[in-house]
mmCIF file of all heavy atoms, coordinates in Angstrom:
data_MODEL
# 
_entry.id   MODEL 
# 
loop_
_atom_site.group_PDB 
_atom_site.id 
_atom_site.type_symbol 
_atom_site.label_atom_id 
_atom_site.label_alt_id 
_atom_site.label_comp_id 
_atom_site.label_asym_id 
_atom_site.label_entity_id 
_atom_site.label_seq_id 
_atom_site.pdbx_PDB_ins_code 
_atom_site.Cartn_x 
_atom_site.Cartn_y 
_atom_site.Cartn_z 
_atom_site.occupancy 
_atom_site.B_iso_or_equiv 
_atom_site.pdbx_formal_charge 
_atom_site.auth_seq_id 
_atom_site.auth_comp_id 
_atom_site.auth_asym_id 
_atom_site.auth_atom_id 
_atom_site.pdbx_PDB_model_num 
ATOM 1   N N   . SER A 1 1  ? 0.897  -1.160 0.071   1.00 0.00 ? 1  SER A N   1 
ATOM 2   C CA  . SER A 1 1  ? -0.065 0.014  0.023   1.00 0.00 ? 1  SER A CA  1 
ATOM 3   C C   . SER A 1 1  ? 0.907  1.276  -0.009  1.00 0.00 ? 1  SER A C   1 
ATOM 4   O O   . SER A 1 1  ? 0.560  2.223  -0.705  1.00 0.00 ? 1  SER A O   1 
ATOM 5   C CB  . SER A 1 1  ? -0.981 0.038  1.215   1.00 0.00 ? 1  SER A CB  1 
ATOM 6   O OG  . SER A 1 1  ? -1.866 -1.035 1.130   1.00 0.00 ? 1  SER A OG  1 
ATOM 7   N N   . SER A 1 2  ? 1.953  1.272  0.768   1.00 0.00 ? 2  SER A N   1 
ATOM 8   C CA  . SER A 1 2  ? 2.895  2.363  0.795   1.00 0.00 ? 2  SER A CA  1 
ATOM 9   C C   . SER A 1 2  ? 3.467  2.613  -0.592  1.00 0.00 ? 2  SER A C   1 
ATOM 10  O O   . SER A 1 2  ? 3.651  3.638  -1.089  1.00 0.00 ? 2  SER A O   1 
ATOM 11  C CB  . SER A 1 2  ? 3.978  2.202  1.855   1.00 0.00 ? 2  SER A CB  1 
ATOM 12  O OG  . SER A 1 2  ? 3.339  2.074  3.080   1.00 0.00 ? 2  SER A OG  1 
ATOM 13  N N   . ILE A 1 3  ? 3.970  1.486  -1.194  1.00 0.00 ? 3  ILE A N   1 
ATOM 14  C CA  . ILE A 1 3  ? 4.590  1.624  -2.505  1.00 0.00 ? 3  ILE A CA  1 
ATOM 15  C C   . ILE A 1 3  ? 3.606  2.148  -3.540  1.00 0.00 ? 3  ILE A C   1 
ATOM 16  O O   . ILE A 1 3  ? 3.888  2.957  -4.327  1.00 0.00 ? 3  ILE A O   1 
ATOM 17  C CB  . ILE A 1 3  ? 5.123  0.240  -2.887  1.00 0.00 ? 3  ILE A CB  1 
ATOM 18  C CG1 . ILE A 1 3  ? 6.404  -0.089 -2.029  1.00 0.00 ? 3  ILE A CG1 1 
ATOM 19  C CG2 . ILE A 1 3  ? 5.544  0.296  -4.427  1.00 0.00 ? 3  ILE A CG2 1 
ATOM 20  C CD1 . ILE A 1 3  ? 6.917  -1.537 -2.244  1.00 0.00 ? 3  ILE A CD1 1 
ATOM 21  N N   . LEU A 1 4  ? 2.395  1.645  -3.490  1.00 0.00 ? 4  LEU A N   1 
ATOM 22  C CA  . LEU A 1 4  ? 1.354  2.021  -4.459  1.00 0.00 ? 4  LEU A CA  1 
ATOM 23  C C   . LEU A 1 4  ? 1.042  3.509  -4.207  1.00 0.00 ? 4  LEU A C   1 
ATOM 24  O O   . LEU A 1 4  ? 0.948  4.281  -5.168  1.00 0.00 ? 4  LEU A O   1 
ATOM 25  C CB  . LEU A 1 4  ? 0.071  1.220  -4.221  1.00 0.00 ? 4  LEU A CB  1 
ATOM 26  C CG  . LEU A 1 4  ? -1.110 1.470  -5.181  1.00 0.00 ? 4  LEU A CG  1 
ATOM 27  C CD1 . LEU A 1 4  ? -0.653 1.201  -6.616  1.00 0.00 ? 4  LEU A CD1 1 
ATOM 28  C CD2 . LEU A 1 4  ? -2.276 0.591  -4.848  1.00 0.00 ? 4  LEU A CD2 1 
ATOM 29  N N   . GLY A 1 5  ? 0.919  3.990  -2.967  1.00 0.00 ? 5  GLY A N   1 
ATOM 30  C CA  . GLY A 1 5  ? 0.691  5.319  -2.674  1.00 0.00 ? 5  GLY A CA  1 
ATOM 31  C C   . GLY A 1 5  ? 1.829  6.195  -3.192  1.00 0.00 ? 5  GLY A C   1 
ATOM 32  O O   . GLY A 1 5  ? 1.473  7.369  -3.718  1.00 0.00 ? 5  GLY A O   1 
ATOM 33  N N   . ALA A 1 6  ? 2.984  5.864  -3.005  1.00 0.00 ? 6  ALA A N   1 
ATOM 34  C CA  . ALA A 1 6  ? 4.156  6.576  -3.508  1.00 0.00 ? 6  ALA A CA  1 
ATOM 35  C C   . ALA A 1 6  ? 4.106  6.662  -5.037  1.00 0.00 ? 6  ALA A C   1 
ATOM 36  O O   . ALA A 1 6  ? 4.375  7.752  -5.580  1.00 0.00 ? 6  ALA A O   1 
ATOM 37  C CB  . ALA A 1 6  ? 5.518  5.887  -3.042  1.00 0.00 ? 6  ALA A CB  1 
ATOM 38  N N   . VAL A 1 7  ? 3.722  5.614  -5.678  1.00 0.00 ? 7  VAL A N   1 
ATOM 39  C CA  . VAL A 1 7  ? 3.759  5.678  -7.176  1.00 0.00 ? 7  VAL A CA  1 
ATOM 40  C C   . VAL A 1 7  ? 2.628  6.596  -7.557  1.00 0.00 ? 7  VAL A C   1 
ATOM 41  O O   . VAL A 1 7  ? 2.817  7.489  -8.495  1.00 0.00 ? 7  VAL A O   1 
ATOM 42  C CB  . VAL A 1 7  ? 3.488  4.284  -7.664  1.00 0.00 ? 7  VAL A CB  1 
ATOM 43  C CG1 . VAL A 1 7  ? 3.004  4.253  -9.157  1.00 0.00 ? 7  VAL A CG1 1 
ATOM 44  C CG2 . VAL A 1 7  ? 4.693  3.334  -7.425  1.00 0.00 ? 7  VAL A CG2 1 
ATOM 45  N N   . VAL A 1 8  ? 1.428  6.498  -6.908  1.00 0.00 ? 8  VAL A N   1 
ATOM 46  C CA  . VAL A 1 8  ? 0.359  7.392  -7.307  1.00 0.00 ? 8  VAL A CA  1 
ATOM 47  C C   . VAL A 1 8  ? 0.646  8.914  -7.079  1.00 0.00 ? 8  VAL A C   1 
ATOM 48  O O   . VAL A 1 8  ? 0.478  9.690  -7.879  1.00 0.00 ? 8  VAL A O   1 
ATOM 49  C CB  . VAL A 1 8  ? -0.931 7.011  -6.439  1.00 0.00 ? 8  VAL A CB  1 
ATOM 50  C CG1 . VAL A 1 8  ? -2.035 8.153  -6.513  1.00 0.00 ? 8  VAL A CG1 1 
ATOM 51  C CG2 . VAL A 1 8  ? -1.445 5.685  -6.887  1.00 0.00 ? 8  VAL A CG2 1 
ATOM 52  N N   . VAL A 1 9  ? 1.406  9.183  -5.850  1.00 0.00 ? 9  VAL A N   1 
ATOM 53  C CA  . VAL A 1 9  ? 1.788  10.522 -5.626  1.00 0.00 ? 9  VAL A CA  1 
ATOM 54  C C   . VAL A 1 9  ? 2.788  11.013 -6.700  1.00 0.00 ? 9  VAL A C   1 
ATOM 55  O O   . VAL A 1 9  ? 2.652  12.114 -7.254  1.00 0.00 ? 9  VAL A O   1 
ATOM 56  C CB  . VAL A 1 9  ? 2.313  10.586 -4.251  1.00 0.00 ? 9  VAL A CB  1 
ATOM 57  C CG1 . VAL A 1 9  ? 3.150  11.965 -4.045  1.00 0.00 ? 9  VAL A CG1 1 
ATOM 58  C CG2 . VAL A 1 9  ? 1.348  10.510 -3.197  1.00 0.00 ? 9  VAL A CG2 1 
ATOM 59  N N   . TYR A 1 10 ? 3.747  10.182 -7.010  1.00 0.00 ? 10 TYR A N   1 
ATOM 60  C CA  . TYR A 1 10 ? 4.797  10.444 -8.142  1.00 0.00 ? 10 TYR A CA  1 
ATOM 61  C C   . TYR A 1 10 ? 3.985  10.802 -9.449  1.00 0.00 ? 10 TYR A C   1 
ATOM 62  O O   . TYR A 1 10 ? 4.311  11.800 -10.067 1.00 0.00 ? 10 TYR A O   1 
ATOM 63  C CB  . TYR A 1 10 ? 5.784  9.326  -8.370  1.00 0.00 ? 10 TYR A CB  1 
ATOM 64  C CG  . TYR A 1 10 ? 6.620  9.613  -9.428  1.00 0.00 ? 10 TYR A CG  1 
ATOM 65  C CD1 . TYR A 1 10 ? 7.708  10.407 -9.355  1.00 0.00 ? 10 TYR A CD1 1 
ATOM 66  C CD2 . TYR A 1 10 ? 6.413  8.906  -10.673 1.00 0.00 ? 10 TYR A CD2 1 
ATOM 67  C CE1 . TYR A 1 10 ? 8.562  10.699 -10.422 1.00 0.00 ? 10 TYR A CE1 1 
ATOM 68  C CE2 . TYR A 1 10 ? 7.328  9.117  -11.707 1.00 0.00 ? 10 TYR A CE2 1 
ATOM 69  C CZ  . TYR A 1 10 ? 8.308  9.987  -11.543 1.00 0.00 ? 10 TYR A CZ  1 
ATOM 70  O OH  . TYR A 1 10 ? 9.107  10.258 -12.687 1.00 0.00 ? 10 TYR A OH  1 
ATOM 71  N N   . LEU A 1 11 ? 3.038  9.995  -9.764  1.00 0.00 ? 11 LEU A N   1 
ATOM 72  C CA  . LEU A 1 11 ? 2.406  10.222 -11.081 1.00 0.00 ? 11 LEU A CA  1 
ATOM 73  C C   . LEU A 1 11 ? 1.539  11.396 -11.010 1.00 0.00 ? 11 LEU A C   1 
ATOM 74  O O   . LEU A 1 11 ? 1.470  12.263 -12.023 1.00 0.00 ? 11 LEU A O   1 
ATOM 75  C CB  . LEU A 1 11 ? 1.546  8.997  -11.440 1.00 0.00 ? 11 LEU A CB  1 
ATOM 76  C CG  . LEU A 1 11 ? 2.266  7.736  -11.886 1.00 0.00 ? 11 LEU A CG  1 
ATOM 77  C CD1 . LEU A 1 11 ? 1.248  6.530  -11.936 1.00 0.00 ? 11 LEU A CD1 1 
ATOM 78  C CD2 . LEU A 1 11 ? 3.118  7.998  -13.037 1.00 0.00 ? 11 LEU A CD2 1 
ATOM 79  N N   . VAL A 1 12 ? 0.919  11.734 -9.988  1.00 0.00 ? 12 VAL A N   1 
ATOM 80  C CA  . VAL A 1 12 ? 0.088  12.951 -9.752  1.00 0.00 ? 12 VAL A CA  1 
ATOM 81  C C   . VAL A 1 12 ? 0.963  14.140 -9.896  1.00 0.00 ? 12 VAL A C   1 
ATOM 82  O O   . VAL A 1 12 ? 0.497  15.160 -10.498 1.00 0.00 ? 12 VAL A O   1 
ATOM 83  C CB  . VAL A 1 12 ? -0.689 12.857 -8.385  1.00 0.00 ? 12 VAL A CB  1 
ATOM 84  C CG1 . VAL A 1 12 ? -1.332 14.251 -8.122  1.00 0.00 ? 12 VAL A CG1 1 
ATOM 85  C CG2 . VAL A 1 12 ? -1.832 11.816 -8.497  1.00 0.00 ? 12 VAL A CG2 1 
ATOM 86  N N   . LEU A 1 13 ? 2.080  14.067 -9.370  1.00 0.00 ? 13 LEU A N   1 
ATOM 87  C CA  . LEU A 1 13 ? 2.969  15.209 -9.409  1.00 0.00 ? 13 LEU A CA  1 
ATOM 88  C C   . LEU A 1 13 ? 3.776  15.367 -10.659 1.00 0.00 ? 13 LEU A C   1 
ATOM 89  O O   . LEU A 1 13 ? 4.094  16.470 -11.110 1.00 0.00 ? 13 LEU A O   1 
ATOM 90  C CB  . LEU A 1 13 ? 4.020  15.204 -8.205  1.00 0.00 ? 13 LEU A CB  1 
ATOM 91  C CG  . LEU A 1 13 ? 3.357  15.331 -6.815  1.00 0.00 ? 13 LEU A CG  1 
ATOM 92  C CD1 . LEU A 1 13 ? 4.441  15.186 -5.703  1.00 0.00 ? 13 LEU A CD1 1 
ATOM 93  C CD2 . LEU A 1 13 ? 2.642  16.677 -6.616  1.00 0.00 ? 13 LEU A CD2 1 
ATOM 94  N N   . SER A 1 14 ? 4.115  14.345 -11.309 1.00 0.00 ? 14 SER A N   1 
ATOM 95  C CA  . SER A 1 14 ? 4.948  14.365 -12.516 1.00 0.00 ? 14 SER A CA  1 
ATOM 96  C C   . SER A 1 14 ? 4.220  14.366 -13.819 1.00 0.00 ? 14 SER A C   1 
ATOM 97  O O   . SER A 1 14 ? 4.759  15.024 -14.757 1.00 0.00 ? 14 SER A O   1 
ATOM 98  C CB  . SER A 1 14 ? 6.042  13.268 -12.478 1.00 0.00 ? 14 SER A CB  1 
ATOM 99  O OG  . SER A 1 14 ? 5.292  11.948 -12.663 1.00 0.00 ? 14 SER A OG  1 
ATOM 100 N N   . VAL A 1 15 ? 3.143  13.697 -13.994 1.00 0.00 ? 15 VAL A N   1 
ATOM 101 C CA  . VAL A 1 15 ? 2.363  13.700 -15.274 1.00 0.00 ? 15 VAL A CA  1 
ATOM 102 C C   . VAL A 1 15 ? 2.006  15.165 -15.672 1.00 0.00 ? 15 VAL A C   1 
ATOM 103 O O   . VAL A 1 15 ? 2.193  15.494 -16.862 1.00 0.00 ? 15 VAL A O   1 
ATOM 104 C CB  . VAL A 1 15 ? 1.106  12.762 -15.065 1.00 0.00 ? 15 VAL A CB  1 
ATOM 105 C CG1 . VAL A 1 15 ? 0.334  12.952 -16.310 1.00 0.00 ? 15 VAL A CG1 1 
ATOM 106 C CG2 . VAL A 1 15 ? 1.706  11.398 -15.038 1.00 0.00 ? 15 VAL A CG2 1 
ATOM 107 N N   . PRO A 1 16 ? 1.497  16.031 -14.801 1.00 0.00 ? 16 PRO A N   1 
ATOM 108 C CA  . PRO A 1 16 ? 1.102  17.309 -15.265 1.00 0.00 ? 16 PRO A CA  1 
ATOM 109 C C   . PRO A 1 16 ? 2.389  18.092 -15.715 1.00 0.00 ? 16 PRO A C   1 
ATOM 110 O O   . PRO A 1 16 ? 2.379  18.836 -16.703 1.00 0.00 ? 16 PRO A O   1 
ATOM 111 C CB  . PRO A 1 16 ? 0.557  18.047 -14.095 1.00 0.00 ? 16 PRO A CB  1 
ATOM 112 C CG  . PRO A 1 16 ? -0.005 16.953 -13.291 1.00 0.00 ? 16 PRO A CG  1 
ATOM 113 C CD  . PRO A 1 16 ? 0.919  15.818 -13.446 1.00 0.00 ? 16 PRO A CD  1 
ATOM 114 N N   . ASN A 1 17 ? 3.472  17.869 -15.095 1.00 0.00 ? 17 ASN A N   1 
ATOM 115 C CA  . ASN A 1 17 ? 4.726  18.494 -15.557 1.00 0.00 ? 17 ASN A CA  1 
ATOM 116 C C   . ASN A 1 17 ? 5.216  18.040 -16.837 1.00 0.00 ? 17 ASN A C   1 
ATOM 117 O O   . ASN A 1 17 ? 5.681  18.765 -17.784 1.00 0.00 ? 17 ASN A O   1 
ATOM 118 C CB  . ASN A 1 17 ? 5.895  18.295 -14.460 1.00 0.00 ? 17 ASN A CB  1 
ATOM 119 C CG  . ASN A 1 17 ? 5.677  19.049 -13.244 1.00 0.00 ? 17 ASN A CG  1 
ATOM 120 O OD1 . ASN A 1 17 ? 4.963  20.015 -13.212 1.00 0.00 ? 17 ASN A OD1 1 
ATOM 121 N ND2 . ASN A 1 17 ? 6.303  18.657 -12.168 1.00 0.00 ? 17 ASN A ND2 1 
ATOM 122 N N   . ASP A 1 18 ? 5.034  16.657 -17.079 1.00 0.00 ? 18 ASP A N   1 
ATOM 123 C CA  . ASP A 1 18 ? 5.464  16.146 -18.386 1.00 0.00 ? 18 ASP A CA  1 
ATOM 124 C C   . ASP A 1 18 ? 4.564  16.649 -19.480 1.00 0.00 ? 18 ASP A C   1 
ATOM 125 O O   . ASP A 1 18 ? 5.008  16.997 -20.581 1.00 0.00 ? 18 ASP A O   1 
ATOM 126 C CB  . ASP A 1 18 ? 5.259  14.550 -18.378 1.00 0.00 ? 18 ASP A CB  1 
ATOM 127 C CG  . ASP A 1 18 ? 6.431  13.957 -17.621 1.00 0.00 ? 18 ASP A CG  1 
ATOM 128 O OD1 . ASP A 1 18 ? 7.486  14.590 -17.344 1.00 0.00 ? 18 ASP A OD1 1 
ATOM 129 O OD2 . ASP A 1 18 ? 6.308  12.765 -17.137 1.00 0.00 ? 18 ASP A OD2 1 
ATOM 130 N N   . LEU A 1 19 ? 3.197  16.775 -19.208 1.00 0.00 ? 19 LEU A N   1 
ATOM 131 C CA  . LEU A 1 19 ? 2.392  17.267 -20.176 1.00 0.00 ? 19 LEU A CA  1 
ATOM 132 C C   . LEU A 1 19 ? 2.629  18.763 -20.507 1.00 0.00 ? 19 LEU A C   1 
ATOM 133 O O   . LEU A 1 19 ? 2.610  19.100 -21.634 1.00 0.00 ? 19 LEU A O   1 
ATOM 134 C CB  . LEU A 1 19 ? 0.898  17.085 -19.772 1.00 0.00 ? 19 LEU A CB  1 
ATOM 135 C CG  . LEU A 1 19 ? 0.383  15.684 -19.539 1.00 0.00 ? 19 LEU A CG  1 
ATOM 136 C CD1 . LEU A 1 19 ? -1.032 15.659 -19.017 1.00 0.00 ? 19 LEU A CD1 1 
ATOM 137 C CD2 . LEU A 1 19 ? 0.300  14.979 -20.916 1.00 0.00 ? 19 LEU A CD2 1 
ATOM 138 N N   . LYS A 1 20 ? 2.871  19.558 -19.542 1.00 0.00 ? 20 LYS A N   1 
ATOM 139 C CA  . LYS A 1 20 ? 3.125  20.904 -19.715 1.00 0.00 ? 20 LYS A CA  1 
ATOM 140 C C   . LYS A 1 20 ? 4.426  21.130 -20.467 1.00 0.00 ? 20 LYS A C   1 
ATOM 141 O O   . LYS A 1 20 ? 4.587  21.918 -21.409 1.00 0.00 ? 20 LYS A O   1 
ATOM 142 C CB  . LYS A 1 20 ? 3.262  21.644 -18.313 1.00 0.00 ? 20 LYS A CB  1 
ATOM 143 C CG  . LYS A 1 20 ? 3.566  23.092 -18.331 1.00 0.00 ? 20 LYS A CG  1 
ATOM 144 C CD  . LYS A 1 20 ? 2.467  23.964 -19.036 1.00 0.00 ? 20 LYS A CD  1 
ATOM 145 C CE  . LYS A 1 20 ? 2.970  25.467 -18.959 1.00 0.00 ? 20 LYS A CE  1 
ATOM 146 N NZ  . LYS A 1 20 ? 2.049  26.193 -19.799 1.00 0.00 ? 20 LYS A NZ  1 
ATOM 147 N N   . ALA A 1 21 ? 5.433  20.309 -20.102 1.00 0.00 ? 21 ALA A N   1 
ATOM 148 C CA  . ALA A 1 21 ? 6.789  20.426 -20.788 1.00 0.00 ? 21 ALA A CA  1 
ATOM 149 C C   . ALA A 1 21 ? 6.714  19.997 -22.219 1.00 0.00 ? 21 ALA A C   1 
ATOM 150 O O   . ALA A 1 21 ? 7.272  20.607 -23.147 1.00 0.00 ? 21 ALA A O   1 
ATOM 151 C CB  . ALA A 1 21 ? 7.769  19.541 -20.070 1.00 0.00 ? 21 ALA A CB  1 
ATOM 152 N N   . ASP A 1 22 ? 5.832  18.981 -22.448 1.00 0.00 ? 22 ASP A N   1 
ATOM 153 C CA  . ASP A 1 22 ? 5.616  18.481 -23.847 1.00 0.00 ? 22 ASP A CA  1 
ATOM 154 C C   . ASP A 1 22 ? 4.932  19.605 -24.675 1.00 0.00 ? 22 ASP A C   1 
ATOM 155 O O   . ASP A 1 22 ? 5.360  19.833 -25.857 1.00 0.00 ? 22 ASP A O   1 
ATOM 156 C CB  . ASP A 1 22 ? 4.837  17.232 -23.914 1.00 0.00 ? 22 ASP A CB  1 
ATOM 157 C CG  . ASP A 1 22 ? 5.642  16.022 -23.429 1.00 0.00 ? 22 ASP A CG  1 
ATOM 158 O OD1 . ASP A 1 22 ? 6.899  16.102 -23.511 1.00 0.00 ? 22 ASP A OD1 1 
ATOM 159 O OD2 . ASP A 1 22 ? 5.041  15.033 -23.022 1.00 0.00 ? 22 ASP A OD2 1 
ATOM 160 N N   . SER A 1 23 ? 3.983  20.250 -24.109 1.00 0.00 ? 23 SER A N   1 
ATOM 161 C CA  . SER A 1 23 ? 3.296  21.358 -24.801 1.00 0.00 ? 23 SER A CA  1 
ATOM 162 C C   . SER A 1 23 ? 4.295  22.460 -25.119 1.00 0.00 ? 23 SER A C   1 
ATOM 163 O O   . SER A 1 23 ? 4.267  23.114 -26.227 1.00 0.00 ? 23 SER A O   1 
ATOM 164 C CB  . SER A 1 23 ? 2.018  21.753 -24.175 1.00 0.00 ? 23 SER A CB  1 
ATOM 165 O OG  . SER A 1 23 ? 2.415  22.536 -23.057 1.00 0.00 ? 23 SER A OG  1 
ATOM 166 N N   . MET A 1 24 ? 5.133  22.790 -24.055 1.00 0.00 ? 24 MET A N   1 
ATOM 167 C CA  . MET A 1 24 ? 6.062  23.840 -24.328 1.00 0.00 ? 24 MET A CA  1 
ATOM 168 C C   . MET A 1 24 ? 7.118  23.507 -25.443 1.00 0.00 ? 24 MET A C   1 
ATOM 169 O O   . MET A 1 24 ? 7.554  24.344 -26.140 1.00 0.00 ? 24 MET A O   1 
ATOM 170 C CB  . MET A 1 24 ? 6.825  24.214 -23.029 1.00 0.00 ? 24 MET A CB  1 
ATOM 171 C CG  . MET A 1 24 ? 5.984  24.907 -21.996 1.00 0.00 ? 24 MET A CG  1 
ATOM 172 S SD  . MET A 1 24 ? 6.759  25.124 -20.332 1.00 0.00 ? 24 MET A SD  1 
ATOM 173 C CE  . MET A 1 24 ? 7.900  26.418 -20.877 1.00 0.00 ? 24 MET A CE  1 
ATOM 174 N N   . MET A 1 25 ? 7.421  22.167 -25.475 1.00 0.00 ? 25 MET A N   1 
ATOM 175 C CA  . MET A 1 25 ? 8.319  21.679 -26.484 1.00 0.00 ? 25 MET A CA  1 
ATOM 176 C C   . MET A 1 25 ? 7.738  21.808 -27.898 1.00 0.00 ? 25 MET A C   1 
ATOM 177 O O   . MET A 1 25 ? 8.440  22.213 -28.865 1.00 0.00 ? 25 MET A O   1 
ATOM 178 C CB  . MET A 1 25 ? 8.732  20.301 -26.128 1.00 0.00 ? 25 MET A CB  1 
ATOM 179 C CG  . MET A 1 25 ? 9.912  19.705 -26.943 1.00 0.00 ? 25 MET A CG  1 
ATOM 180 S SD  . MET A 1 25 ? 11.378 20.652 -26.598 1.00 0.00 ? 25 MET A SD  1 
ATOM 181 C CE  . MET A 1 25 ? 12.393 19.827 -27.909 1.00 0.00 ? 25 MET A CE  1 
ATOM 182 N N   . LYS A 1 26 ? 6.495  21.501 -27.955 1.00 0.00 ? 26 LYS A N   1 
ATOM 183 C CA  . LYS A 1 26 ? 5.839  21.652 -29.284 1.00 0.00 ? 26 LYS A CA  1 
ATOM 184 C C   . LYS A 1 26 ? 5.841  23.106 -29.704 1.00 0.00 ? 26 LYS A C   1 
ATOM 185 O O   . LYS A 1 26 ? 6.049  23.442 -30.917 1.00 0.00 ? 26 LYS A O   1 
ATOM 186 C CB  . LYS A 1 26 ? 4.435  21.110 -29.205 1.00 0.00 ? 26 LYS A CB  1 
ATOM 187 C CG  . LYS A 1 26 ? 4.287  19.614 -29.129 1.00 0.00 ? 26 LYS A CG  1 
ATOM 188 C CD  . LYS A 1 26 ? 2.854  19.143 -28.976 1.00 0.00 ? 26 LYS A CD  1 
ATOM 189 C CE  . LYS A 1 26 ? 2.872  17.644 -28.869 1.00 0.00 ? 26 LYS A CE  1 
ATOM 190 N NZ  . LYS A 1 26 ? 1.513  17.200 -28.610 1.00 0.00 ? 26 LYS A NZ  1 
ATOM 191 N N   . ASP A 1 27 ? 5.514  24.045 -28.829 1.00 0.00 ? 27 ASP A N   1 
ATOM 192 C CA  . ASP A 1 27 ? 5.567  25.412 -29.105 1.00 0.00 ? 27 ASP A CA  1 
ATOM 193 C C   . ASP A 1 27 ? 7.003  25.891 -29.579 1.00 0.00 ? 27 ASP A C   1 
ATOM 194 O O   . ASP A 1 27 ? 7.145  26.608 -30.551 1.00 0.00 ? 27 ASP A O   1 
ATOM 195 C CB  . ASP A 1 27 ? 5.204  26.314 -27.845 1.00 0.00 ? 27 ASP A CB  1 
ATOM 196 C CG  . ASP A 1 27 ? 3.774  26.206 -27.577 1.00 0.00 ? 27 ASP A CG  1 
ATOM 197 O OD1 . ASP A 1 27 ? 2.934  25.630 -28.421 1.00 0.00 ? 27 ASP A OD1 1 
ATOM 198 O OD2 . ASP A 1 27 ? 3.314  26.484 -26.497 1.00 0.00 ? 27 ASP A OD2 1 
# 
């Protein structure tokens, strides 16, 4: 449960950054 929670927190924090960075890269 702790590992799963850490993965979820990582994804929640990093996915928006990846999406924003990708859109900036396209620009």
